[in-house]
Amino acid sequence: MTLPGGRVVGETDREVHLIPIPLGDDRPAALVAYCGLVIRPGQADLVDTLAGMPCPLCMVRSPAPVTR
């Protein structure tokens, strides 16, 4: 992946971002992480377990878990 400035993403740029699950049947053209990062199809991998370096801004901006 290439960043908007033209630099190719390296290992130190890789983070796990948190993204709200889109509601409804329509697939959005892009997903927007809690930190504001826009992710287009083919630009990211799905992580289905707790692994990787989390994006600090996504962690701060994501909603707290609901407890019952």
N, C-alpha and C. Protein backbone atom coordinates (compact mmCIF):
# COMPACT_ATOMS: atom_id res chain seq x y z
N MET A 1 0.84 -1.17 0.00
CA MET A 1 0.00 0.00 0.00
C MET A 1 0.89 1.24 0.00
N THR A 2 0.44 2.26 -0.66
CA THR A 2 1.16 3.52 -0.72
C THR A 2 0.38 4.59 0.04
N LEU A 3 1.08 5.34 0.87
CA LEU A 3 0.44 6.43 1.62
C LEU A 3 0.15 7.60 0.70
N PRO A 4 -0.77 8.49 1.09
CA PRO A 4 -1.11 9.62 0.23
C PRO A 4 0.10 10.45 -0.22
N GLY A 5 1.16 10.51 0.57
CA GLY A 5 2.36 11.26 0.21
C GLY A 5 3.25 10.53 -0.77
N GLY A 6 2.91 9.28 -1.11
CA GLY A 6 3.68 8.51 -2.08
C GLY A 6 4.63 7.50 -1.46
N ARG A 7 4.81 7.55 -0.14
CA ARG A 7 5.71 6.61 0.53
C ARG A 7 5.03 5.25 0.67
N VAL A 8 5.79 4.18 0.43
CA VAL A 8 5.26 2.83 0.56
C VAL A 8 5.21 2.48 2.05
N VAL A 9 4.13 1.83 2.45
CA VAL A 9 3.94 1.45 3.84
C VAL A 9 4.96 0.38 4.22
N GLY A 10 5.61 0.59 5.36
CA GLY A 10 6.57 -0.38 5.89
C GLY A 10 6.01 -1.04 7.14
N GLU A 11 6.78 -1.95 7.71
CA GLU A 11 6.33 -2.69 8.89
C GLU A 11 6.01 -1.77 10.07
N THR A 12 6.77 -0.69 10.24
CA THR A 12 6.52 0.21 11.36
C THR A 12 5.24 1.01 11.20
N ASP A 13 4.67 1.04 9.99
CA ASP A 13 3.42 1.75 9.74
C ASP A 13 2.20 0.88 10.02
N ARG A 14 2.39 -0.39 10.16
CA ARG A 14 1.25 -1.31 10.28
C ARG A 14 0.67 -1.28 11.68
N GLU A 15 -0.63 -1.07 11.75
CA GLU A 15 -1.36 -1.04 13.01
C GLU A 15 -2.69 -1.75 12.81
N VAL A 16 -3.27 -2.17 13.90
CA VAL A 16 -4.62 -2.74 13.88
C VAL A 16 -5.58 -1.61 14.22
N HIS A 17 -6.48 -1.32 13.28
CA HIS A 17 -7.47 -0.26 13.47
C HIS A 17 -8.81 -0.87 13.83
N LEU A 18 -9.59 -0.13 14.60
CA LEU A 18 -10.93 -0.56 14.98
C LEU A 18 -11.94 0.17 14.09
N ILE A 19 -12.87 -0.61 13.55
CA ILE A 19 -13.84 -0.06 12.61
C ILE A 19 -15.24 -0.47 13.05
N PRO A 20 -16.16 0.49 13.13
CA PRO A 20 -17.54 0.11 13.46
C PRO A 20 -18.12 -0.76 12.34
N ILE A 21 -18.90 -1.74 12.72
CA ILE A 21 -19.51 -2.64 11.73
C ILE A 21 -20.60 -1.88 11.00
N PRO A 22 -20.52 -1.84 9.65
CA PRO A 22 -21.58 -1.14 8.89
C PRO A 22 -22.92 -1.84 9.08
N LEU A 23 -23.96 -1.05 9.26
CA LEU A 23 -25.30 -1.60 9.43
C LEU A 23 -26.02 -1.63 8.09
N GLY A 24 -26.96 -2.53 7.96
CA GLY A 24 -27.75 -2.61 6.73
C GLY A 24 -27.12 -3.57 5.73
N ASP A 25 -27.76 -3.67 4.58
CA ASP A 25 -27.32 -4.61 3.55
C ASP A 25 -26.36 -4.00 2.54
N ASP A 26 -26.28 -2.68 2.50
CA ASP A 26 -25.41 -2.02 1.52
C ASP A 26 -23.96 -2.09 1.97
N ARG A 27 -23.07 -2.39 1.01
CA ARG A 27 -21.64 -2.40 1.29
C ARG A 27 -21.10 -1.00 1.02
N PRO A 28 -20.46 -0.39 2.00
CA PRO A 28 -19.90 0.95 1.78
C PRO A 28 -18.71 0.88 0.82
N ALA A 29 -18.44 1.98 0.15
CA ALA A 29 -17.29 2.05 -0.76
C ALA A 29 -15.99 2.00 0.00
N ALA A 30 -16.02 2.43 1.25
CA ALA A 30 -14.84 2.41 2.11
C ALA A 30 -15.28 2.31 3.55
N LEU A 31 -14.39 1.82 4.39
CA LEU A 31 -14.64 1.77 5.82
C LEU A 31 -13.84 2.89 6.48
N VAL A 32 -14.38 3.44 7.55
CA VAL A 32 -13.68 4.52 8.25
C VAL A 32 -13.42 4.06 9.68
N ALA A 33 -12.16 3.98 10.05
CA ALA A 33 -11.77 3.58 11.40
C ALA A 33 -12.10 4.69 12.38
N TYR A 34 -12.14 4.35 13.65
CA TYR A 34 -12.44 5.35 14.68
C TYR A 34 -11.43 6.50 14.67
N CYS A 35 -10.22 6.25 14.19
CA CYS A 35 -9.21 7.30 14.14
C CYS A 35 -9.37 8.20 12.91
N GLY A 36 -10.27 7.82 12.00
CA GLY A 36 -10.50 8.62 10.80
C GLY A 36 -9.86 8.05 9.55
N LEU A 37 -9.05 7.00 9.69
CA LEU A 37 -8.40 6.38 8.53
C LEU A 37 -9.45 5.77 7.61
N VAL A 38 -9.39 6.10 6.33
CA VAL A 38 -10.31 5.55 5.34
C VAL A 38 -9.63 4.34 4.72
N ILE A 39 -10.32 3.20 4.76
CA ILE A 39 -9.78 1.95 4.22
C ILE A 39 -10.67 1.50 3.07
N ARG A 40 -10.08 1.43 1.90
CA ARG A 40 -10.79 1.01 0.69
C ARG A 40 -10.60 -0.48 0.48
N PRO A 41 -11.48 -1.11 -0.31
CA PRO A 41 -11.35 -2.55 -0.57
C PRO A 41 -9.94 -2.90 -1.07
N GLY A 42 -9.39 -3.97 -0.51
CA GLY A 42 -8.08 -4.45 -0.91
C GLY A 42 -6.91 -3.78 -0.20
N GLN A 43 -7.18 -2.84 0.69
CA GLN A 43 -6.11 -2.13 1.38
C GLN A 43 -5.81 -2.68 2.77
N ALA A 44 -6.58 -3.62 3.26
CA ALA A 44 -6.38 -4.09 4.62
C ALA A 44 -6.68 -5.58 4.72
N ASP A 45 -6.24 -6.16 5.81
CA ASP A 45 -6.52 -7.55 6.12
C ASP A 45 -7.42 -7.59 7.35
N LEU A 46 -8.30 -8.56 7.39
CA LEU A 46 -9.19 -8.74 8.54
C LEU A 46 -8.42 -9.48 9.64
N VAL A 47 -8.46 -8.95 10.84
CA VAL A 47 -7.88 -9.61 12.00
C VAL A 47 -9.04 -10.01 12.90
N ASP A 48 -9.23 -11.30 13.07
CA ASP A 48 -10.40 -11.75 13.84
C ASP A 48 -10.04 -12.20 15.26
N THR A 49 -8.82 -11.95 15.68
CA THR A 49 -8.40 -12.21 17.05
C THR A 49 -7.67 -10.99 17.58
N LEU A 50 -7.45 -10.95 18.87
CA LEU A 50 -6.69 -9.85 19.45
C LEU A 50 -5.21 -10.07 19.15
N ALA A 51 -4.71 -9.38 18.17
CA ALA A 51 -3.31 -9.52 17.77
C ALA A 51 -2.85 -8.23 17.10
N GLY A 52 -1.57 -7.98 17.12
CA GLY A 52 -1.02 -6.83 16.43
C GLY A 52 -0.99 -5.58 17.30
N MET A 53 -0.33 -4.56 16.77
CA MET A 53 -0.18 -3.28 17.46
C MET A 53 -1.44 -2.44 17.24
N PRO A 54 -2.20 -2.15 18.31
CA PRO A 54 -3.43 -1.36 18.12
C PRO A 54 -3.12 0.11 17.84
N CYS A 55 -3.98 0.73 17.06
CA CYS A 55 -3.90 2.16 16.81
C CYS A 55 -4.34 2.86 18.09
N PRO A 56 -3.47 3.68 18.69
CA PRO A 56 -3.85 4.35 19.94
C PRO A 56 -5.09 5.24 19.82
N LEU A 57 -5.22 5.95 18.71
CA LEU A 57 -6.37 6.84 18.55
C LEU A 57 -7.67 6.05 18.41
N CYS A 58 -7.63 4.92 17.69
CA CYS A 58 -8.81 4.05 17.60
C CYS A 58 -9.21 3.55 18.98
N MET A 59 -8.22 3.18 19.79
CA MET A 59 -8.50 2.67 21.13
C MET A 59 -9.19 3.74 21.99
N VAL A 60 -8.72 4.98 21.90
CA VAL A 60 -9.29 6.06 22.70
C VAL A 60 -10.69 6.43 22.22
N ARG A 61 -10.91 6.41 20.92
CA ARG A 61 -12.19 6.87 20.36
C ARG A 61 -13.26 5.78 20.27
N SER A 62 -12.89 4.52 20.42
CA SER A 62 -13.88 3.46 20.29
C SER A 62 -14.79 3.44 21.52
N PRO A 63 -16.04 3.03 21.32
CA PRO A 63 -16.98 3.00 22.45
C PRO A 63 -16.59 1.93 23.47
N ALA A 64 -16.94 2.17 24.71
CA ALA A 64 -16.69 1.19 25.77
C ALA A 64 -17.62 -0.01 25.57
N PRO A 65 -17.18 -1.19 25.98
CA PRO A 65 -18.05 -2.37 25.87
C PRO A 65 -19.31 -2.21 26.71
N VAL A 66 -20.38 -2.77 26.24
CA VAL A 66 -21.65 -2.73 26.98
C VAL A 66 -21.66 -3.92 27.94
N THR A 67 -21.88 -3.63 29.21
CA THR A 67 -21.97 -4.71 30.21
C THR A 67 -23.41 -4.80 30.68
N ARG A 68 -23.84 -6.01 30.95
CA ARG A 68 -25.23 -6.22 31.40
C ARG A 68 -25.24 -6.98 32.69
